[in-house]
Amino acid sequence: MINTLYQAAICICCALTLVQCASDTKEGSKEIAKTEVAPPVQRQAEPAFKASTLPLPDACSLLTIEDIQEILNVPADEIQVKDGSTARAGHAKSCFFKWIGKRINAGLLVQVQKNPVGDEFPEWPTSFVASKRTSGESNFSGDGETYKYSKFEGLGDDGSYSYNLEKYIWRTGNDYVYMIAFNEDMTEAEQKDAALRLGKKIMQRVGK
């Protein structure tokens, strides 16, 4: 009887030992599994767009004092040239030509810009120039009035102009958008003719 109980106790101890060993093995496997799981890869967010890599010409090299003198009949010694480009506007360069005229701060602005939203909207130049005719542009005077541009022929692949806003814009492909903006008293015919002649000077200098 004692031997039987002793043997039974041994069997129970062995069984408990096996269960404990099995439990330890499972826990050990869990620990190993935990150490073998690779941490999640932190992916960097894709940029919203890629900036255009096209070089921007110096806007002040697109026209000369002699051009202004010839086309607008402004004495050369009265013309001042000032670079209006800023580091923050990496997609555009500007240049001011100022003189003593019929208006205070008479002059004109020349600007060249490339696509500011790169791969996100490759046709931005086409849309930008055409939208001036379809949607127009505010005069920024606070009265909320919007002016629609008219078709501007003779420069680049497409052009738009507004005599009221005194702006003339055109594009070459989907690469560059050029603009001439006046601040001087001129009739529409005089302003448009001057813009066309100045624009042709610009296109000659950029090889178009």
C-alpha atoms as a PDB file:
ATOM      1  CA  MET A   1       0.000   0.000   0.000  1.00  0.00           C
ATOM      2  CA  ILE A   2       2.818   2.370   0.934  1.00  0.00           C
ATOM      3  CA  ASN A   3       4.703   1.412  -2.237  1.00  0.00           C
ATOM      4  CA  THR A   4       1.593   2.092  -4.311  1.00  0.00           C
ATOM      5  CA  LEU A   5       1.074   5.544  -2.779  1.00  0.00           C
ATOM      6  CA  TYR A   6       4.776   6.270  -3.170  1.00  0.00           C
ATOM      7  CA  GLN A   7       4.706   5.303  -6.818  1.00  0.00           C
ATOM      8  CA  ALA A   8       1.556   7.385  -7.377  1.00  0.00           C
ATOM      9  CA  ALA A   9       3.207  10.387  -5.721  1.00  0.00           C
ATOM     10  CA  ILE A  10       6.236   9.947  -7.969  1.00  0.00           C
ATOM     11  CA  CYS A  11       3.973   9.839 -11.043  1.00  0.00           C
ATOM     12  CA  ILE A  12       2.134  13.002  -9.915  1.00  0.00           C
ATOM     13  CA  CYS A  13       5.450  14.792  -9.314  1.00  0.00           C
ATOM     14  CA  CYS A  14       6.690  13.733 -12.730  1.00  0.00           C
ATOM     15  CA  ALA A  15       3.465  14.889 -14.328  1.00  0.00           C
ATOM     16  CA  LEU A  16       3.642  18.261 -12.566  1.00  0.00           C
ATOM     17  CA  THR A  17       7.280  18.559 -13.587  1.00  0.00           C
ATOM     18  CA  LEU A  18       6.403  17.895 -17.243  1.00  0.00           C
ATOM     19  CA  VAL A  19       3.587  20.445 -17.133  1.00  0.00           C
ATOM     20  CA  GLN A  20       5.894  23.021 -15.588  1.00  0.00           C
ATOM     21  CA  CYS A  21       8.591  22.251 -18.146  1.00  0.00           C
ATOM     22  CA  ALA A  22       6.082  22.568 -20.963  1.00  0.00           C
ATOM     23  CA  SER A  23       4.871  25.851 -19.491  1.00  0.00           C
ATOM     24  CA  ASP A  24       8.420  27.134 -19.145  1.00  0.00           C
ATOM     25  CA  THR A  25       9.120  26.100 -22.742  1.00  0.00           C
ATOM     26  CA  LYS A  26       6.058  28.001 -24.004  1.00  0.00           C
ATOM     27  CA  GLU A  27       6.974  31.100 -22.000  1.00  0.00           C
ATOM     28  CA  GLY A  28      10.515  30.840 -23.298  1.00  0.00           C
ATOM     29  CA  SER A  29       9.237  30.576 -26.856  1.00  0.00           C
ATOM     30  CA  LYS A  30       7.130  33.678 -26.329  1.00  0.00           C
ATOM     31  CA  GLU A  31      10.147  35.587 -25.070  1.00  0.00           C
ATOM     32  CA  ILE A  32      12.229  34.425 -28.059  1.00  0.00           C
ATOM     33  CA  ALA A  33       9.413  35.334 -30.428  1.00  0.00           C
ATOM     34  CA  LYS A  34       9.209  38.766 -28.871  1.00  0.00           C
ATOM     35  CA  THR A  35      12.896  39.396 -29.400  1.00  0.00           C
ATOM     36  CA  GLU A  36      12.755  38.181 -33.018  1.00  0.00           C
ATOM     37  CA  VAL A  37       9.987  40.619 -34.123  1.00  0.00           C
ATOM     38  CA  ALA A  38      11.556  43.526 -36.043  1.00  0.00           C
ATOM     39  CA  PRO A  39      10.502  47.053 -35.025  1.00  0.00           C
ATOM     40  CA  PRO A  40       8.136  48.795 -37.480  1.00  0.00           C
ATOM     41  CA  VAL A  41       9.882  50.811 -40.160  1.00  0.00           C
ATOM     42  CA  GLN A  42       9.234  54.527 -39.820  1.00  0.00           C
ATOM     43  CA  ARG A  43       8.596  55.811 -43.349  1.00  0.00           C
ATOM     44  CA  GLN A  44       9.118  59.456 -44.109  1.00  0.00           C
ATOM     45  CA  ALA A  45       6.177  61.218 -45.697  1.00  0.00           C
ATOM     46  CA  GLU A  46       6.548  61.934 -49.395  1.00  0.00           C
ATOM     47  CA  PRO A  47       6.877  65.662 -50.194  1.00  0.00           C
ATOM     48  CA  ALA A  48       3.730  67.287 -51.535  1.00  0.00           C
ATOM     49  CA  PHE A  49       5.587  68.226 -54.722  1.00  0.00           C
ATOM     50  CA  LYS A  50       9.010  68.353 -56.266  1.00  0.00           C
ATOM     51  CA  ALA A  51      10.379  71.759 -57.053  1.00  0.00           C
ATOM     52  CA  SER A  52      11.237  72.502 -60.658  1.00  0.00           C
ATOM     53  CA  THR A  53      14.951  72.216 -61.416  1.00  0.00           C
ATOM     54  CA  LEU A  54      14.818  74.651 -64.342  1.00  0.00           C
ATOM     55  CA  PRO A  55      17.288  77.529 -63.941  1.00  0.00           C
ATOM     56  CA  LEU A  56      15.774  80.987 -63.598  1.00  0.00           C
ATOM     57  CA  PRO A  57      17.295  83.802 -65.662  1.00  0.00           C
ATOM     58  CA  ASP A  58      18.191  87.052 -63.930  1.00  0.00           C
ATOM     59  CA  ALA A  59      15.146  89.276 -64.477  1.00  0.00           C
ATOM     60  CA  CYS A  60      17.303  92.412 -64.629  1.00  0.00           C
ATOM     61  CA  SER A  61      19.162  90.945 -67.602  1.00  0.00           C
ATOM     62  CA  LEU A  62      15.978  90.523 -69.650  1.00  0.00           C
ATOM     63  CA  LEU A  63      15.701  94.240 -70.477  1.00  0.00           C
ATOM     64  CA  THR A  64      18.202  97.081 -70.589  1.00  0.00           C
ATOM     65  CA  ILE A  65      18.040 100.793 -69.883  1.00  0.00           C
ATOM     66  CA  GLU A  66      18.482 101.319 -73.627  1.00  0.00           C
ATOM     67  CA  ASP A  67      15.385  99.195 -74.292  1.00  0.00           C
ATOM     68  CA  ILE A  68      13.304 101.372 -71.964  1.00  0.00           C
ATOM     69  CA  GLN A  69      14.695 104.536 -73.503  1.00  0.00           C
ATOM     70  CA  GLU A  70      13.990 103.355 -77.043  1.00  0.00           C
ATOM     71  CA  ILE A  71      10.479 101.984 -76.516  1.00  0.00           C
ATOM     72  CA  LEU A  72       9.079 104.250 -73.779  1.00  0.00           C
ATOM     73  CA  ASN A  73      11.001 107.430 -74.636  1.00  0.00           C
ATOM     74  CA  VAL A  74      12.408 107.761 -71.126  1.00  0.00           C
ATOM     75  CA  PRO A  75      15.811 109.485 -70.782  1.00  0.00           C
ATOM     76  CA  ALA A  76      18.434 106.887 -69.915  1.00  0.00           C
ATOM     77  CA  ASP A  77      19.903 108.939 -67.069  1.00  0.00           C
ATOM     78  CA  GLU A  78      16.507 108.967 -65.323  1.00  0.00           C
ATOM     79  CA  ILE A  79      16.084 105.180 -65.295  1.00  0.00           C
ATOM     80  CA  GLN A  80      16.947 103.271 -62.135  1.00  0.00           C
ATOM     81  CA  VAL A  81      17.206  99.493 -62.031  1.00  0.00           C
ATOM     82  CA  LYS A  82      16.475  97.526 -58.863  1.00  0.00           C
ATOM     83  CA  ASP A  83      16.487  93.757 -58.385  1.00  0.00           C
ATOM     84  CA  GLY A  84      13.181  92.790 -56.760  1.00  0.00           C
ATOM     85  CA  SER A  85      13.922  89.095 -56.270  1.00  0.00           C
ATOM     86  CA  THR A  86      13.734  87.509 -52.823  1.00  0.00           C
ATOM     87  CA  ALA A  87      15.216  84.289 -51.484  1.00  0.00           C
ATOM     88  CA  ARG A  88      11.765  83.173 -50.279  1.00  0.00           C
ATOM     89  CA  ALA A  89      10.357  83.182 -53.810  1.00  0.00           C
ATOM     90  CA  GLY A  90      12.640  80.535 -55.241  1.00  0.00           C
ATOM     91  CA  HIS A  91      10.390  80.025 -58.257  1.00  0.00           C
ATOM     92  CA  ALA A  92      10.420  83.664 -59.454  1.00  0.00           C
ATOM     93  CA  LYS A  93      12.775  86.561 -60.165  1.00  0.00           C
ATOM     94  CA  SER A  94      11.759  90.197 -60.559  1.00  0.00           C
ATOM     95  CA  CYS A  95      13.297  93.504 -61.608  1.00  0.00           C
ATOM     96  CA  PHE A  96      12.028  97.091 -61.297  1.00  0.00           C
ATOM     97  CA  PHE A  97      12.791  99.842 -63.792  1.00  0.00           C
ATOM     98  CA  LYS A  98      11.884 103.239 -62.290  1.00  0.00           C
ATOM     99  CA  TRP A  99      11.932 106.762 -63.629  1.00  0.00           C
ATOM    100  CA  ILE A 100      10.424 110.221 -63.149  1.00  0.00           C
ATOM    101  CA  GLY A 101       7.206 110.131 -65.147  1.00  0.00           C
ATOM    102  CA  LYS A 102       3.593 111.189 -65.221  1.00  0.00           C
ATOM    103  CA  ARG A 103       2.878 109.129 -62.104  1.00  0.00           C
ATOM    104  CA  ILE A 104       4.577 108.933 -58.750  1.00  0.00           C
ATOM    105  CA  ASN A 105       6.932 105.926 -58.779  1.00  0.00           C
ATOM    106  CA  ALA A 106       6.510 105.566 -62.528  1.00  0.00           C
ATOM    107  CA  GLY A 107       8.103 102.479 -63.982  1.00  0.00           C
ATOM    108  CA  LEU A 108       7.600  98.859 -64.897  1.00  0.00           C
ATOM    109  CA  LEU A 109       8.125  95.453 -63.362  1.00  0.00           C
ATOM    110  CA  VAL A 110       9.615  92.521 -65.251  1.00  0.00           C
ATOM    111  CA  GLN A 111       9.168  89.042 -63.802  1.00  0.00           C
ATOM    112  CA  VAL A 112       9.972  85.495 -64.851  1.00  0.00           C
ATOM    113  CA  GLN A 113       8.727  82.484 -62.930  1.00  0.00           C
ATOM    114  CA  LYS A 114       8.730  78.722 -63.267  1.00  0.00           C
ATOM    115  CA  ASN A 115       6.294  76.104 -62.036  1.00  0.00           C
ATOM    116  CA  PRO A 116       6.039  76.521 -58.230  1.00  0.00           C
ATOM    117  CA  VAL A 117       4.355  73.143 -57.680  1.00  0.00           C
ATOM    118  CA  GLY A 118       6.537  70.867 -59.807  1.00  0.00           C
ATOM    119  CA  ASP A 119       5.351  67.299 -60.336  1.00  0.00           C
ATOM    120  CA  GLU A 120       2.107  67.953 -58.491  1.00  0.00           C
ATOM    121  CA  PHE A 121       0.739  70.060 -61.368  1.00  0.00           C
ATOM    122  CA  PRO A 122       3.036  69.945 -64.431  1.00  0.00           C
ATOM    123  CA  GLU A 123       0.603  72.007 -66.545  1.00  0.00           C
ATOM    124  CA  TRP A 124       0.497  74.898 -64.076  1.00  0.00           C
ATOM    125  CA  PRO A 125       1.917  77.501 -66.537  1.00  0.00           C
ATOM    126  CA  THR A 126      -0.724  76.628 -69.144  1.00  0.00           C
ATOM    127  CA  SER A 127      -3.506  76.792 -66.573  1.00  0.00           C
ATOM    128  CA  PHE A 128      -2.173  79.983 -64.967  1.00  0.00           C
ATOM    129  CA  VAL A 129      -2.092  82.018 -68.188  1.00  0.00           C
ATOM    130  CA  ALA A 130      -5.448  80.725 -69.480  1.00  0.00           C
ATOM    131  CA  SER A 131      -7.206  81.206 -66.122  1.00  0.00           C
ATOM    132  CA  LYS A 132      -6.532  84.943 -66.287  1.00  0.00           C
ATOM    133  CA  ARG A 133      -8.998  85.054 -69.193  1.00  0.00           C
ATOM    134  CA  THR A 134     -11.573  82.678 -67.722  1.00  0.00           C
ATOM    135  CA  SER A 135     -11.462  83.569 -64.018  1.00  0.00           C
ATOM    136  CA  GLY A 136      -9.742  86.926 -63.979  1.00  0.00           C
ATOM    137  CA  GLU A 137      -7.807  88.568 -61.173  1.00  0.00           C
ATOM    138  CA  SER A 138      -8.699  90.872 -58.289  1.00  0.00           C
ATOM    139  CA  ASN A 139      -7.382  94.419 -58.407  1.00  0.00           C
ATOM    140  CA  PHE A 140      -6.381  94.080 -54.707  1.00  0.00           C
ATOM    141  CA  SER A 141      -7.847  97.500 -53.909  1.00  0.00           C
ATOM    142  CA  GLY A 142     -10.318  96.040 -51.428  1.00  0.00           C
ATOM    143  CA  ASP A 143     -13.411  96.745 -53.494  1.00  0.00           C
ATOM    144  CA  GLY A 144     -13.665  93.095 -54.567  1.00  0.00           C
ATOM    145  CA  GLU A 145     -13.694  93.892 -58.283  1.00  0.00           C
ATOM    146  CA  THR A 146     -12.250  91.240 -60.579  1.00  0.00           C
ATOM    147  CA  TYR A 147     -10.928  91.880 -64.073  1.00  0.00           C
ATOM    148  CA  LYS A 148     -10.822  89.251 -66.787  1.00  0.00           C
ATOM    149  CA  TYR A 149      -7.827  89.389 -69.083  1.00  0.00           C
ATOM    150  CA  SER A 150      -7.927  89.392 -72.887  1.00  0.00           C
ATOM    151  CA  LYS A 151      -5.916  87.303 -75.325  1.00  0.00           C
ATOM    152  CA  PHE A 152      -2.393  88.653 -75.854  1.00  0.00           C
ATOM    153  CA  GLU A 153      -0.937  87.636 -79.212  1.00  0.00           C
ATOM    154  CA  GLY A 154       2.626  87.663 -80.480  1.00  0.00           C
ATOM    155  CA  LEU A 155       4.662  86.292 -77.560  1.00  0.00           C
ATOM    156  CA  GLY A 156       5.353  82.725 -76.463  1.00  0.00           C
ATOM    157  CA  ASP A 157       2.793  79.930 -76.737  1.00  0.00           C
ATOM    158  CA  ASP A 158      -0.076  81.744 -75.030  1.00  0.00           C
ATOM    159  CA  GLY A 159      -0.577  85.170 -73.519  1.00  0.00           C
ATOM    160  CA  SER A 160      -3.121  87.236 -71.587  1.00  0.00           C
ATOM    161  CA  TYR A 161      -3.305  90.933 -70.743  1.00  0.00           C
ATOM    162  CA  SER A 162      -5.362  93.388 -68.727  1.00  0.00           C
ATOM    163  CA  TYR A 163      -5.169  97.096 -69.508  1.00  0.00           C
ATOM    164  CA  ASN A 164      -7.034  97.867 -66.271  1.00  0.00           C
ATOM    165  CA  LEU A 165      -4.455  95.976 -64.212  1.00  0.00           C
ATOM    166  CA  GLU A 166      -1.640  97.043 -66.566  1.00  0.00           C
ATOM    167  CA  LYS A 167      -0.293  93.503 -66.737  1.00  0.00           C
ATOM    168  CA  TYR A 168       0.893  91.401 -69.682  1.00  0.00           C
ATOM    169  CA  ILE A 169       1.764  87.731 -69.171  1.00  0.00           C
ATOM    170  CA  TRP A 170       2.794  84.915 -71.497  1.00  0.00           C
ATOM    171  CA  ARG A 171       4.345  81.475 -71.259  1.00  0.00           C
ATOM    172  CA  THR A 172       6.827  79.317 -73.131  1.00  0.00           C
ATOM    173  CA  GLY A 173       5.597  75.723 -73.034  1.00  0.00           C
ATOM    174  CA  ASN A 174       5.138  74.648 -69.431  1.00  0.00           C
ATOM    175  CA  ASP A 175       8.567  75.969 -68.510  1.00  0.00           C
ATOM    176  CA  TYR A 176       8.396  79.710 -67.846  1.00  0.00           C
ATOM    177  CA  VAL A 177       5.810  82.451 -67.361  1.00  0.00           C
ATOM    178  CA  TYR A 178       6.870  86.033 -68.105  1.00  0.00           C
ATOM    179  CA  MET A 179       5.173  89.230 -66.996  1.00  0.00           C
ATOM    180  CA  ILE A 180       5.482  92.954 -67.666  1.00  0.00           C
ATOM    181  CA  ALA A 181       3.514  95.266 -65.369  1.00  0.00           C
ATOM    182  CA  PHE A 182       3.319  99.014 -66.008  1.00  0.00           C
ATOM    183  CA  ASN A 183       2.899 101.963 -63.672  1.00  0.00           C
ATOM    184  CA  GLU A 184       2.612 104.876 -66.062  1.00  0.00           C
ATOM    185  CA  ASP A 185      -0.136 106.822 -67.830  1.00  0.00           C
ATOM    186  CA  MET A 186      -0.597 105.303 -71.283  1.00  0.00           C
ATOM    187  CA  THR A 187      -3.477 104.573 -73.617  1.00  0.00           C
ATOM    188  CA  GLU A 188      -4.356 100.921 -74.132  1.00  0.00           C
ATOM    189  CA  ALA A 189      -2.889 100.972 -77.628  1.00  0.00           C
ATOM    190  CA  GLU A 190       0.359 102.558 -76.388  1.00  0.00           C
ATOM    191  CA  GLN A 191       0.630 100.150 -73.461  1.00  0.00           C
ATOM    192  CA  LYS A 192      -0.078  97.067 -75.543  1.00  0.00           C
ATOM    193  CA  ASP A 193       2.406  98.093 -78.228  1.00  0.00           C
ATOM    194  CA  ALA A 194       5.089  98.778 -75.621  1.00  0.00           C
ATOM    195  CA  ALA A 195       4.459  95.418 -73.929  1.00  0.00           C
ATOM    196  CA  LEU A 196       4.775  93.581 -77.241  1.00  0.00           C
ATOM    197  CA  ARG A 197       8.006  95.342 -78.193  1.00  0.00           C
ATOM    198  CA  LEU A 198       9.536  94.872 -74.739  1.00  0.00           C
ATOM    199  CA  GLY A 199       8.395  91.249 -74.694  1.00  0.00           C
ATOM    200  CA  LYS A 200      10.151  90.585 -77.996  1.00  0.00           C
ATOM    201  CA  LYS A 201      13.356  91.987 -76.517  1.00  0.00           C
ATOM    202  CA  ILE A 202      12.972  89.560 -73.621  1.00  0.00           C
ATOM    203  CA  MET A 203      12.374  86.596 -75.902  1.00  0.00           C
ATOM    204  CA  GLN A 204      15.449  87.474 -77.958  1.00  0.00           C
ATOM    205  CA  ARG A 205      17.588  87.422 -74.824  1.00  0.00           C
ATOM    206  CA  VAL A 206      16.323  84.038 -73.674  1.00  0.00           C
ATOM    207  CA  GLY A 207      16.715  82.625 -77.167  1.00  0.00           C
ATOM    208  CA  LYS A 208      13.030  82.177 -78.026  1.00  0.00           C
END
